[in-house]
């Protein structure tokens, strides 16, 4: 008599854990890279524009960094028209914003599409912006 050989090297519980981790815990981008690496590389960020960083500068002007590497300024003064944007005309409420995974959003749920922000913005030179900011910060007197 021969010993019974197990046909499946992994028990069912191990596979359930692996499947749970893959399908539930991993982000979509990681799954796409595992299943279709050539497709994921060609799509990059699916060609979608995103705002990845935001900085309030003054009045209604903000500095936005997009996922394509460009840093641009947007003057929202001309964009805040209509009943949805009336609240944001108050500067104290205008500065109450947050960065979402795709764009920036204000406390009352108002947001702009990243493509719209890109089209209504002006590109700035990264080196000159850093230099101007550094000069401005160095010129502020420090009180001990």
N, C-alpha and C. Protein backbone atom coordinates (compact mmCIF):
# COMPACT_ATOMS: atom_id res chain seq x y z
N UNK A 1 0.81 -1.18 0.00
CA UNK A 1 0.00 0.00 0.00
C UNK A 1 0.86 1.25 0.00
N UNK A 2 0.42 2.16 -0.77
CA UNK A 2 1.15 3.43 -0.83
C UNK A 2 0.44 4.49 0.00
N UNK A 3 1.25 5.44 0.42
CA UNK A 3 0.68 6.53 1.23
C UNK A 3 -0.12 7.45 0.33
N UNK A 4 -1.15 8.04 0.92
CA UNK A 4 -2.01 8.94 0.17
C UNK A 4 -1.29 10.28 -0.01
N UNK A 5 -1.18 10.74 -1.24
CA UNK A 5 -0.50 11.99 -1.55
C UNK A 5 -1.55 13.10 -1.65
N UNK A 6 -1.24 14.19 -0.99
CA UNK A 6 -2.17 15.33 -1.05
C UNK A 6 -2.04 16.01 -2.41
N UNK A 7 -3.17 16.21 -3.09
CA UNK A 7 -3.17 16.80 -4.42
C UNK A 7 -2.97 18.31 -4.40
N UNK A 8 -3.39 18.98 -3.38
CA UNK A 8 -3.33 20.44 -3.31
C UNK A 8 -2.28 20.86 -2.27
N UNK A 9 -1.22 21.53 -2.72
CA UNK A 9 -0.16 21.89 -1.79
C UNK A 9 -0.57 22.95 -0.77
N UNK A 10 -1.60 23.72 -1.05
CA UNK A 10 -2.02 24.77 -0.12
C UNK A 10 -3.42 24.46 0.37
N UNK A 11 -3.64 24.70 1.62
CA UNK A 11 -4.98 24.46 2.13
C UNK A 11 -5.90 25.61 1.75
N UNK A 12 -7.18 25.41 1.90
CA UNK A 12 -8.17 26.41 1.48
C UNK A 12 -8.06 27.72 2.25
N UNK A 13 -7.70 27.67 3.49
CA UNK A 13 -7.61 28.88 4.30
C UNK A 13 -6.52 29.80 3.77
N UNK A 14 -5.40 29.26 3.38
CA UNK A 14 -4.31 30.08 2.82
C UNK A 14 -4.77 30.81 1.56
N UNK A 15 -5.45 30.11 0.68
CA UNK A 15 -5.93 30.74 -0.55
C UNK A 15 -6.98 31.80 -0.26
N UNK A 16 -7.82 31.56 0.73
CA UNK A 16 -8.82 32.56 1.10
C UNK A 16 -8.15 33.84 1.59
N UNK A 17 -7.09 33.70 2.35
CA UNK A 17 -6.37 34.87 2.84
C UNK A 17 -5.71 35.62 1.69
N UNK A 18 -5.07 34.86 0.79
CA UNK A 18 -4.41 35.50 -0.36
C UNK A 18 -5.43 36.24 -1.22
N UNK A 19 -6.56 35.61 -1.50
CA UNK A 19 -7.59 36.26 -2.30
C UNK A 19 -8.17 37.48 -1.60
N UNK A 20 -8.37 37.38 -0.30
CA UNK A 20 -8.89 38.53 0.46
C UNK A 20 -7.92 39.71 0.39
N UNK A 21 -6.65 39.44 0.59
CA UNK A 21 -5.65 40.51 0.54
C UNK A 21 -5.61 41.13 -0.85
N UNK A 22 -5.64 40.30 -1.87
CA UNK A 22 -5.53 40.81 -3.24
C UNK A 22 -6.77 41.62 -3.63
N UNK A 23 -7.95 41.07 -3.41
CA UNK A 23 -9.16 41.71 -3.91
C UNK A 23 -9.74 42.78 -2.98
N UNK A 24 -9.41 42.74 -1.71
CA UNK A 24 -10.02 43.69 -0.78
C UNK A 24 -9.02 44.73 -0.29
N UNK A 25 -7.85 44.31 0.10
CA UNK A 25 -6.93 45.23 0.75
C UNK A 25 -6.03 46.02 -0.20
N UNK A 26 -5.66 45.43 -1.31
CA UNK A 26 -4.75 46.13 -2.22
C UNK A 26 -5.48 47.23 -2.99
N UNK A 27 -4.82 48.37 -3.21
CA UNK A 27 -5.44 49.42 -4.01
C UNK A 27 -5.55 49.00 -5.47
N UNK A 28 -6.45 49.64 -6.18
CA UNK A 28 -6.74 49.29 -7.57
C UNK A 28 -5.50 49.36 -8.44
N UNK A 29 -4.67 50.39 -8.25
CA UNK A 29 -3.48 50.56 -9.09
C UNK A 29 -2.54 49.36 -8.95
N UNK A 30 -2.41 48.85 -7.74
CA UNK A 30 -1.53 47.69 -7.51
C UNK A 30 -2.09 46.45 -8.20
N UNK A 31 -3.40 46.25 -8.11
CA UNK A 31 -4.02 45.10 -8.78
C UNK A 31 -3.81 45.19 -10.28
N UNK A 32 -3.98 46.39 -10.82
CA UNK A 32 -3.80 46.58 -12.26
C UNK A 32 -2.37 46.26 -12.69
N UNK A 33 -1.39 46.68 -11.89
CA UNK A 33 0.01 46.41 -12.22
C UNK A 33 0.32 44.92 -12.16
N UNK A 34 -0.32 44.20 -11.24
CA UNK A 34 -0.08 42.76 -11.12
C UNK A 34 -0.75 42.01 -12.27
N UNK A 35 -1.98 42.36 -12.58
CA UNK A 35 -2.74 41.63 -13.60
C UNK A 35 -2.37 42.03 -15.03
N UNK A 36 -2.14 43.32 -15.25
CA UNK A 36 -1.86 43.83 -16.61
C UNK A 36 -0.72 44.84 -16.56
N UNK A 37 0.51 44.40 -16.37
CA UNK A 37 1.61 45.36 -16.20
C UNK A 37 1.84 46.25 -17.40
N UNK A 38 1.72 45.72 -18.62
CA UNK A 38 1.93 46.54 -19.81
C UNK A 38 0.86 47.62 -19.92
N UNK A 39 -0.37 47.26 -19.64
CA UNK A 39 -1.47 48.22 -19.69
C UNK A 39 -1.30 49.29 -18.63
N UNK A 40 -0.92 48.89 -17.43
CA UNK A 40 -0.75 49.85 -16.34
C UNK A 40 0.37 50.84 -16.65
N UNK A 41 1.47 50.36 -17.23
CA UNK A 41 2.58 51.25 -17.58
C UNK A 41 2.18 52.23 -18.68
N UNK A 42 1.41 51.76 -19.65
CA UNK A 42 1.03 52.65 -20.74
C UNK A 42 0.01 53.68 -20.30
N UNK A 43 -0.82 53.35 -19.32
CA UNK A 43 -1.85 54.28 -18.87
C UNK A 43 -1.33 55.25 -17.82
N UNK A 44 -0.29 54.88 -17.11
CA UNK A 44 0.22 55.75 -16.06
C UNK A 44 -0.84 56.01 -15.02
N UNK A 45 -1.30 57.24 -14.95
CA UNK A 45 -2.35 57.62 -14.01
C UNK A 45 -3.68 57.68 -14.75
N UNK A 46 -3.84 56.81 -15.74
CA UNK A 46 -5.02 56.73 -16.60
C UNK A 46 -5.22 58.01 -17.40
N UNK A 47 -4.18 58.81 -17.53
CA UNK A 47 -4.27 60.03 -18.30
C UNK A 47 -5.11 61.10 -17.63
N UNK A 48 -5.50 60.88 -16.39
CA UNK A 48 -6.34 61.84 -15.69
C UNK A 48 -5.49 62.84 -14.93
N UNK A 49 -5.90 64.07 -14.98
CA UNK A 49 -5.20 65.13 -14.29
C UNK A 49 -5.69 65.18 -12.84
N UNK A 50 -4.75 65.37 -11.91
CA UNK A 50 -5.10 65.47 -10.50
C UNK A 50 -4.34 66.63 -9.87
N UNK A 51 -4.92 67.21 -8.85
CA UNK A 51 -4.22 68.21 -8.04
C UNK A 51 -3.59 67.44 -6.89
N UNK A 52 -2.25 67.54 -6.76
CA UNK A 52 -1.58 66.76 -5.71
C UNK A 52 -1.08 67.63 -4.57
N UNK A 53 -1.07 68.95 -4.76
CA UNK A 53 -0.66 69.85 -3.68
C UNK A 53 -1.30 71.21 -3.91
N UNK A 54 -1.63 71.88 -2.82
CA UNK A 54 -2.25 73.20 -2.92
C UNK A 54 -1.70 74.08 -1.82
N UNK A 55 -1.52 75.35 -2.13
CA UNK A 55 -1.05 76.32 -1.15
C UNK A 55 -1.80 77.63 -1.37
N UNK A 56 -2.40 78.15 -0.30
CA UNK A 56 -3.07 79.44 -0.38
C UNK A 56 -2.01 80.53 -0.38
N UNK A 57 -2.08 81.45 -1.36
CA UNK A 57 -1.09 82.51 -1.46
C UNK A 57 -1.61 83.83 -0.88
N UNK A 58 -2.67 84.37 -1.46
CA UNK A 58 -3.26 85.62 -0.99
C UNK A 58 -4.60 85.82 -1.69
N UNK A 59 -5.43 86.70 -1.15
CA UNK A 59 -6.76 87.01 -1.70
C UNK A 59 -7.45 85.72 -2.14
N UNK A 60 -7.70 85.58 -3.44
CA UNK A 60 -8.33 84.37 -3.97
C UNK A 60 -7.37 83.59 -4.86
N UNK A 61 -6.09 83.74 -4.61
CA UNK A 61 -5.06 83.10 -5.43
C UNK A 61 -4.46 81.91 -4.68
N UNK A 62 -4.35 80.78 -5.40
CA UNK A 62 -3.75 79.57 -4.85
C UNK A 62 -2.71 79.03 -5.81
N UNK A 63 -1.73 78.37 -5.24
CA UNK A 63 -0.72 77.66 -6.02
C UNK A 63 -1.10 76.20 -6.02
N UNK A 64 -1.23 75.60 -7.21
CA UNK A 64 -1.61 74.20 -7.33
C UNK A 64 -0.49 73.43 -8.02
N UNK A 65 -0.23 72.23 -7.52
CA UNK A 65 0.69 71.33 -8.20
C UNK A 65 -0.13 70.17 -8.75
N UNK A 66 0.07 69.88 -10.04
CA UNK A 66 -0.66 68.82 -10.71
C UNK A 66 0.21 67.58 -10.84
N UNK A 67 -0.43 66.44 -11.06
CA UNK A 67 0.31 65.18 -11.15
C UNK A 67 1.16 65.07 -12.42
N UNK A 68 1.03 66.03 -13.33
CA UNK A 68 1.91 66.04 -14.51
C UNK A 68 3.21 66.80 -14.23
N UNK A 69 3.38 67.26 -12.97
CA UNK A 69 4.61 67.93 -12.56
C UNK A 69 4.56 69.45 -12.65
N UNK A 70 3.51 70.00 -13.24
CA UNK A 70 3.41 71.45 -13.38
C UNK A 70 2.89 72.10 -12.10
N UNK A 71 3.45 73.27 -11.81
CA UNK A 71 2.98 74.09 -10.70
C UNK A 71 2.38 75.34 -11.31
N UNK A 72 1.13 75.63 -10.96
CA UNK A 72 0.41 76.73 -11.58
C UNK A 72 -0.34 77.53 -10.51
N UNK A 73 -0.63 78.78 -10.82
CA UNK A 73 -1.43 79.61 -9.92
C UNK A 73 -2.81 79.83 -10.52
N UNK A 74 -3.80 79.84 -9.65
CA UNK A 74 -5.18 80.06 -10.06
C UNK A 74 -5.72 81.24 -9.27
N UNK A 75 -6.31 82.21 -9.97
CA UNK A 75 -7.00 83.31 -9.33
C UNK A 75 -8.49 82.99 -9.37
N UNK A 76 -9.05 82.62 -8.23
CA UNK A 76 -10.44 82.20 -8.16
C UNK A 76 -11.41 83.39 -8.15
N UNK A 77 -10.90 84.60 -8.10
CA UNK A 77 -11.76 85.78 -8.04
C UNK A 77 -12.76 85.80 -9.20
N UNK A 78 -12.29 85.48 -10.38
CA UNK A 78 -13.17 85.51 -11.55
C UNK A 78 -13.99 84.22 -11.69
N UNK A 79 -13.69 83.20 -10.90
CA UNK A 79 -14.37 81.91 -11.02
C UNK A 79 -15.50 81.74 -10.00
N UNK A 80 -15.55 82.58 -8.99
CA UNK A 80 -16.52 82.42 -7.90
C UNK A 80 -17.79 83.21 -8.17
N UNK A 81 -18.56 82.76 -9.15
CA UNK A 81 -19.82 83.41 -9.47
C UNK A 81 -20.94 82.38 -9.47
N UNK A 82 -22.10 82.79 -9.00
CA UNK A 82 -23.24 81.88 -8.93
C UNK A 82 -23.56 81.55 -7.50
N UNK A 83 -24.75 80.98 -7.30
CA UNK A 83 -25.24 80.74 -5.93
C UNK A 83 -24.39 79.74 -5.15
N UNK A 84 -23.76 78.78 -5.84
CA UNK A 84 -22.94 77.79 -5.14
C UNK A 84 -21.66 78.41 -4.58
N UNK A 85 -21.19 79.47 -5.22
CA UNK A 85 -19.89 80.05 -4.85
C UNK A 85 -20.01 81.32 -4.01
N UNK A 86 -21.25 81.80 -3.76
CA UNK A 86 -21.43 83.04 -3.00
C UNK A 86 -20.78 82.98 -1.62
N UNK A 87 -20.91 81.85 -0.95
CA UNK A 87 -20.30 81.70 0.39
C UNK A 87 -18.79 81.88 0.35
N UNK A 88 -18.18 81.43 -0.74
CA UNK A 88 -16.72 81.48 -0.84
C UNK A 88 -16.19 82.87 -1.15
N UNK A 89 -17.06 83.82 -1.41
CA UNK A 89 -16.62 85.19 -1.63
C UNK A 89 -16.09 85.78 -0.32
N UNK A 90 -16.50 85.21 0.81
CA UNK A 90 -15.96 85.60 2.12
C UNK A 90 -14.59 84.92 2.26
N UNK A 91 -13.54 85.71 2.40
CA UNK A 91 -12.18 85.15 2.42
C UNK A 91 -11.96 84.19 3.59
N UNK A 92 -12.64 84.44 4.71
CA UNK A 92 -12.48 83.55 5.86
C UNK A 92 -13.05 82.16 5.55
N UNK A 93 -14.08 82.10 4.73
CA UNK A 93 -14.63 80.81 4.33
C UNK A 93 -13.88 80.23 3.13
N UNK A 94 -13.32 81.11 2.30
CA UNK A 94 -12.58 80.65 1.12
C UNK A 94 -11.36 79.82 1.51
N UNK A 95 -10.72 80.19 2.61
CA UNK A 95 -9.50 79.47 3.01
C UNK A 95 -9.78 78.16 3.74
N UNK A 96 -11.05 77.80 3.89
CA UNK A 96 -11.41 76.54 4.54
C UNK A 96 -11.57 75.45 3.47
N UNK A 97 -10.47 74.97 2.96
CA UNK A 97 -10.47 73.97 1.89
C UNK A 97 -9.61 72.79 2.30
N UNK A 98 -9.76 71.72 1.56
CA UNK A 98 -8.95 70.51 1.80
C UNK A 98 -8.60 69.89 0.46
N UNK A 99 -7.52 69.14 0.45
CA UNK A 99 -7.08 68.44 -0.75
C UNK A 99 -7.67 67.03 -0.72
N UNK A 100 -8.43 66.70 -1.75
CA UNK A 100 -8.99 65.35 -1.90
C UNK A 100 -8.04 64.55 -2.80
N UNK A 101 -8.31 63.28 -3.04
CA UNK A 101 -7.41 62.53 -3.93
C UNK A 101 -7.33 63.08 -5.35
N UNK A 102 -8.30 63.90 -5.79
CA UNK A 102 -8.30 64.39 -7.17
C UNK A 102 -8.18 65.90 -7.30
N UNK A 103 -8.75 66.65 -6.37
CA UNK A 103 -8.80 68.11 -6.51
C UNK A 103 -8.91 68.74 -5.13
N UNK A 104 -9.16 70.03 -5.08
CA UNK A 104 -9.39 70.64 -3.78
C UNK A 104 -10.87 70.89 -3.61
N UNK A 105 -11.32 70.81 -2.36
CA UNK A 105 -12.74 70.93 -2.05
C UNK A 105 -12.89 71.81 -0.82
N UNK A 106 -13.94 72.63 -0.84
CA UNK A 106 -14.19 73.53 0.28
C UNK A 106 -15.12 72.87 1.28
N UNK A 107 -15.23 73.49 2.45
CA UNK A 107 -15.98 72.94 3.58
C UNK A 107 -17.44 72.67 3.22
N UNK A 108 -17.99 73.42 2.26
CA UNK A 108 -19.41 73.26 1.91
C UNK A 108 -19.63 72.30 0.74
N UNK A 109 -18.58 71.58 0.31
CA UNK A 109 -18.71 70.59 -0.74
C UNK A 109 -18.43 71.09 -2.14
N UNK A 110 -18.17 72.38 -2.30
CA UNK A 110 -17.88 72.94 -3.62
C UNK A 110 -16.48 72.53 -4.04
N UNK A 111 -16.36 72.12 -5.31
CA UNK A 111 -15.04 71.79 -5.85
C UNK A 111 -15.03 72.11 -7.35
N UNK A 112 -13.84 72.08 -7.91
CA UNK A 112 -13.65 72.29 -9.34
C UNK A 112 -12.94 71.07 -9.90
N UNK A 113 -13.27 70.73 -11.13
CA UNK A 113 -12.57 69.63 -11.80
C UNK A 113 -11.12 70.03 -12.02
N UNK A 114 -10.17 69.11 -11.86
CA UNK A 114 -8.76 69.43 -12.06
C UNK A 114 -8.47 69.99 -13.46
N UNK A 115 -9.17 69.48 -14.46
CA UNK A 115 -8.97 69.98 -15.83
C UNK A 115 -9.41 71.44 -15.95
N UNK A 116 -10.49 71.79 -15.29
CA UNK A 116 -10.97 73.17 -15.29
C UNK A 116 -9.96 74.08 -14.61
N UNK A 117 -9.43 73.64 -13.47
CA UNK A 117 -8.42 74.42 -12.76
C UNK A 117 -7.17 74.59 -13.60
N UNK A 118 -6.78 73.54 -14.30
CA UNK A 118 -5.58 73.60 -15.15
C UNK A 118 -5.79 74.62 -16.27
N UNK A 119 -6.95 74.58 -16.90
CA UNK A 119 -7.24 75.50 -18.00
C UNK A 119 -7.32 76.96 -17.55
N UNK A 120 -7.74 77.19 -16.31
CA UNK A 120 -7.90 78.55 -15.80
C UNK A 120 -6.74 78.96 -14.89
N UNK A 121 -5.59 78.37 -15.10
CA UNK A 121 -4.42 78.69 -14.29
C UNK A 121 -3.28 79.16 -15.17
N UNK A 122 -2.26 79.69 -14.49
CA UNK A 122 -1.08 80.20 -15.18
C UNK A 122 0.13 79.45 -14.66
N UNK A 123 0.95 78.96 -15.58
CA UNK A 123 2.16 78.22 -15.18
C UNK A 123 3.15 79.18 -14.54
N UNK A 124 3.84 78.69 -13.52
CA UNK A 124 4.90 79.48 -12.89
C UNK A 124 6.20 78.69 -12.97
N UNK A 125 7.29 79.42 -12.96
CA UNK A 125 8.61 78.81 -12.99
C UNK A 125 8.95 78.35 -11.58
N UNK A 126 9.19 77.07 -11.40
CA UNK A 126 9.45 76.51 -10.07
C UNK A 126 10.64 77.19 -9.39
N UNK A 127 11.75 77.38 -10.11
CA UNK A 127 12.96 77.95 -9.50
C UNK A 127 12.73 79.38 -9.06
N UNK A 128 12.09 80.20 -9.91
CA UNK A 128 11.87 81.60 -9.55
C UNK A 128 10.88 81.71 -8.41
N UNK A 129 9.88 80.81 -8.37
CA UNK A 129 8.91 80.87 -7.27
C UNK A 129 9.58 80.57 -5.94
N UNK A 130 10.41 79.55 -5.91
CA UNK A 130 11.12 79.19 -4.68
C UNK A 130 12.04 80.34 -4.27
N UNK A 131 12.73 80.94 -5.25
CA UNK A 131 13.64 82.05 -4.95
C UNK A 131 12.89 83.25 -4.38
N UNK A 132 11.76 83.62 -4.98
CA UNK A 132 10.98 84.76 -4.50
C UNK A 132 10.45 84.48 -3.10
N UNK A 133 9.97 83.28 -2.86
CA UNK A 133 9.48 82.94 -1.52
C UNK A 133 10.60 82.99 -0.51
N UNK A 134 11.77 82.46 -0.85
CA UNK A 134 12.89 82.45 0.08
C UNK A 134 13.33 83.87 0.41
N UNK A 135 13.39 84.75 -0.60
CA UNK A 135 13.76 86.15 -0.37
C UNK A 135 12.74 86.81 0.55
N UNK A 136 11.45 86.54 0.30
CA UNK A 136 10.40 87.13 1.13
C UNK A 136 10.50 86.64 2.57
N UNK A 137 10.76 85.35 2.76
CA UNK A 137 10.87 84.80 4.11
C UNK A 137 12.11 85.35 4.82
N UNK A 138 13.22 85.52 4.08
CA UNK A 138 14.45 86.04 4.68
C UNK A 138 14.31 87.50 5.08
N UNK A 139 13.43 88.24 4.42
CA UNK A 139 13.30 89.66 4.71
C UNK A 139 12.36 89.94 5.88
N UNK A 140 11.63 88.92 6.36
CA UNK A 140 10.75 89.12 7.50
C UNK A 140 11.58 89.13 8.78
N UNK A 141 11.46 90.24 9.56
CA UNK A 141 12.27 90.31 10.79
C UNK A 141 11.80 89.26 11.81
N UNK A 142 12.76 88.71 12.50
CA UNK A 142 12.45 87.69 13.50
C UNK A 142 12.57 88.34 14.88
N UNK A 143 11.47 88.29 15.63
CA UNK A 143 11.46 88.86 16.98
C UNK A 143 11.63 87.74 17.98
N UNK A 144 12.62 87.91 18.84
CA UNK A 144 12.86 86.87 19.85
C UNK A 144 12.06 87.15 21.09
